[in-house]
Amino acid sequence: MTKPNIKTKVVHSESKNAWNIIGTRPGSKYKIARVPYIEIKNSKMLTHMQRDEAFKHAEFISFCFNQD
């Protein structure tokens, strides 16, 4: 496997319940991955847990791309 030359960051999707891993360099691929989470209507605590877990997964994916 070759080492990708991509710098990324994690941002929340504007239209979906998901975290996006996006490229930061102009002219390169913009969206690398999407990590969705489930919004549970009657439970803010479970929704928060889902959102936090998805964020941790998105950070890990971003970290894998950003290693020097």
C-alpha atoms as a PDB file:
ATOM      1  CA  MET A   1       0.000   0.000   0.000  1.00  0.00           C
ATOM      2  CA  THR A   2       1.336   3.392  -0.900  1.00  0.00           C
ATOM      3  CA  LYS A   3       1.225   6.294   1.505  1.00  0.00           C
ATOM      4  CA  PRO A   4      -1.408   8.823   0.392  1.00  0.00           C
ATOM      5  CA  ASN A   5      -0.274  12.404   0.053  1.00  0.00           C
ATOM      6  CA  ILE A   6      -3.552  13.853   1.346  1.00  0.00           C
ATOM      7  CA  LYS A   7      -4.138  16.193   4.273  1.00  0.00           C
ATOM      8  CA  THR A   8      -7.631  15.915   5.753  1.00  0.00           C
ATOM      9  CA  LYS A   9      -9.894  17.300   8.447  1.00  0.00           C
ATOM     10  CA  VAL A  10     -13.197  16.257  10.017  1.00  0.00           C
ATOM     11  CA  VAL A  11     -16.303  18.453   9.613  1.00  0.00           C
ATOM     12  CA  HIS A  12     -19.985  17.853  10.274  1.00  0.00           C
ATOM     13  CA  SER A  13     -22.205  17.397   7.230  1.00  0.00           C
ATOM     14  CA  GLU A  14     -24.482  20.341   6.472  1.00  0.00           C
ATOM     15  CA  SER A  15     -27.386  18.165   5.272  1.00  0.00           C
ATOM     16  CA  LYS A  16     -27.020  14.735   6.914  1.00  0.00           C
ATOM     17  CA  ASN A  17     -26.406  13.178  10.309  1.00  0.00           C
ATOM     18  CA  ALA A  18     -22.788  12.402   9.523  1.00  0.00           C
ATOM     19  CA  TRP A  19     -19.183  13.468   9.894  1.00  0.00           C
ATOM     20  CA  ASN A  20     -17.258  14.083   6.672  1.00  0.00           C
ATOM     21  CA  ILE A  21     -13.529  13.598   6.179  1.00  0.00           C
ATOM     22  CA  ILE A  22     -12.510  16.205   3.616  1.00  0.00           C
ATOM     23  CA  GLY A  23      -9.283  17.086   1.864  1.00  0.00           C
ATOM     24  CA  THR A  24      -7.763  20.460   2.724  1.00  0.00           C
ATOM     25  CA  ARG A  25      -5.627  21.025  -0.385  1.00  0.00           C
ATOM     26  CA  PRO A  26      -7.304  23.021  -3.173  1.00  0.00           C
ATOM     27  CA  GLY A  27      -7.664  21.070  -6.408  1.00  0.00           C
ATOM     28  CA  SER A  28      -7.547  17.657  -4.788  1.00  0.00           C
ATOM     29  CA  LYS A  29     -10.402  15.320  -3.927  1.00  0.00           C
ATOM     30  CA  TYR A  30     -12.744  17.132  -1.535  1.00  0.00           C
ATOM     31  CA  LYS A  31     -14.760  14.446   0.294  1.00  0.00           C
ATOM     32  CA  ILE A  32     -12.756  11.385   1.296  1.00  0.00           C
ATOM     33  CA  ALA A  33     -15.330   9.587   3.473  1.00  0.00           C
ATOM     34  CA  ARG A  34     -18.612   9.990   5.330  1.00  0.00           C
ATOM     35  CA  VAL A  35     -19.251   8.486   8.781  1.00  0.00           C
ATOM     36  CA  PRO A  36     -23.003   8.530   9.491  1.00  0.00           C
ATOM     37  CA  TYR A  37     -24.722   8.242  12.853  1.00  0.00           C
ATOM     38  CA  ILE A  38     -28.300   7.552  13.886  1.00  0.00           C
ATOM     39  CA  GLU A  39     -30.425  10.237  15.498  1.00  0.00           C
ATOM     40  CA  ILE A  40     -32.730   8.631  18.065  1.00  0.00           C
ATOM     41  CA  LYS A  41     -35.838  10.794  18.423  1.00  0.00           C
ATOM     42  CA  ASN A  42     -36.700  10.249  22.101  1.00  0.00           C
ATOM     43  CA  SER A  43     -33.206   9.974  23.557  1.00  0.00           C
ATOM     44  CA  LYS A  44     -30.681  12.791  23.459  1.00  0.00           C
ATOM     45  CA  MET A  45     -28.204  10.659  25.422  1.00  0.00           C
ATOM     46  CA  LEU A  46     -28.219   7.796  22.870  1.00  0.00           C
ATOM     47  CA  THR A  47     -28.010  10.256  19.987  1.00  0.00           C
ATOM     48  CA  HIS A  48     -25.044  11.960  21.687  1.00  0.00           C
ATOM     49  CA  MET A  49     -23.341   8.576  22.189  1.00  0.00           C
ATOM     50  CA  GLN A  50     -23.891   7.685  18.507  1.00  0.00           C
ATOM     51  CA  ARG A  51     -22.562  11.072  17.389  1.00  0.00           C
ATOM     52  CA  ASP A  52     -19.450  10.805  19.615  1.00  0.00           C
ATOM     53  CA  GLU A  53     -18.651   7.294  18.403  1.00  0.00           C
ATOM     54  CA  ALA A  54     -18.989   8.359  14.758  1.00  0.00           C
ATOM     55  CA  PHE A  55     -16.730  11.361  15.438  1.00  0.00           C
ATOM     56  CA  LYS A  56     -14.039   9.107  16.945  1.00  0.00           C
ATOM     57  CA  HIS A  57     -14.174   6.877  13.864  1.00  0.00           C
ATOM     58  CA  ALA A  58     -13.945   9.906  11.573  1.00  0.00           C
ATOM     59  CA  GLU A  59     -10.957  11.258  13.535  1.00  0.00           C
ATOM     60  CA  PHE A  60      -9.196   7.900  13.185  1.00  0.00           C
ATOM     61  CA  ILE A  61      -9.740   7.828   9.417  1.00  0.00           C
ATOM     62  CA  SER A  62      -8.448  11.415   9.159  1.00  0.00           C
ATOM     63  CA  PHE A  63      -5.459  10.554  11.375  1.00  0.00           C
ATOM     64  CA  CYS A  64      -4.525   7.669   9.042  1.00  0.00           C
ATOM     65  CA  PHE A  65      -4.342  10.066   6.081  1.00  0.00           C
ATOM     66  CA  ASN A  66      -2.453  12.814   7.955  1.00  0.00           C
ATOM     67  CA  GLN A  67       0.463  10.762   9.252  1.00  0.00           C
ATOM     68  CA  ASP A  68       3.825  12.006   8.032  1.00  0.00           C
END
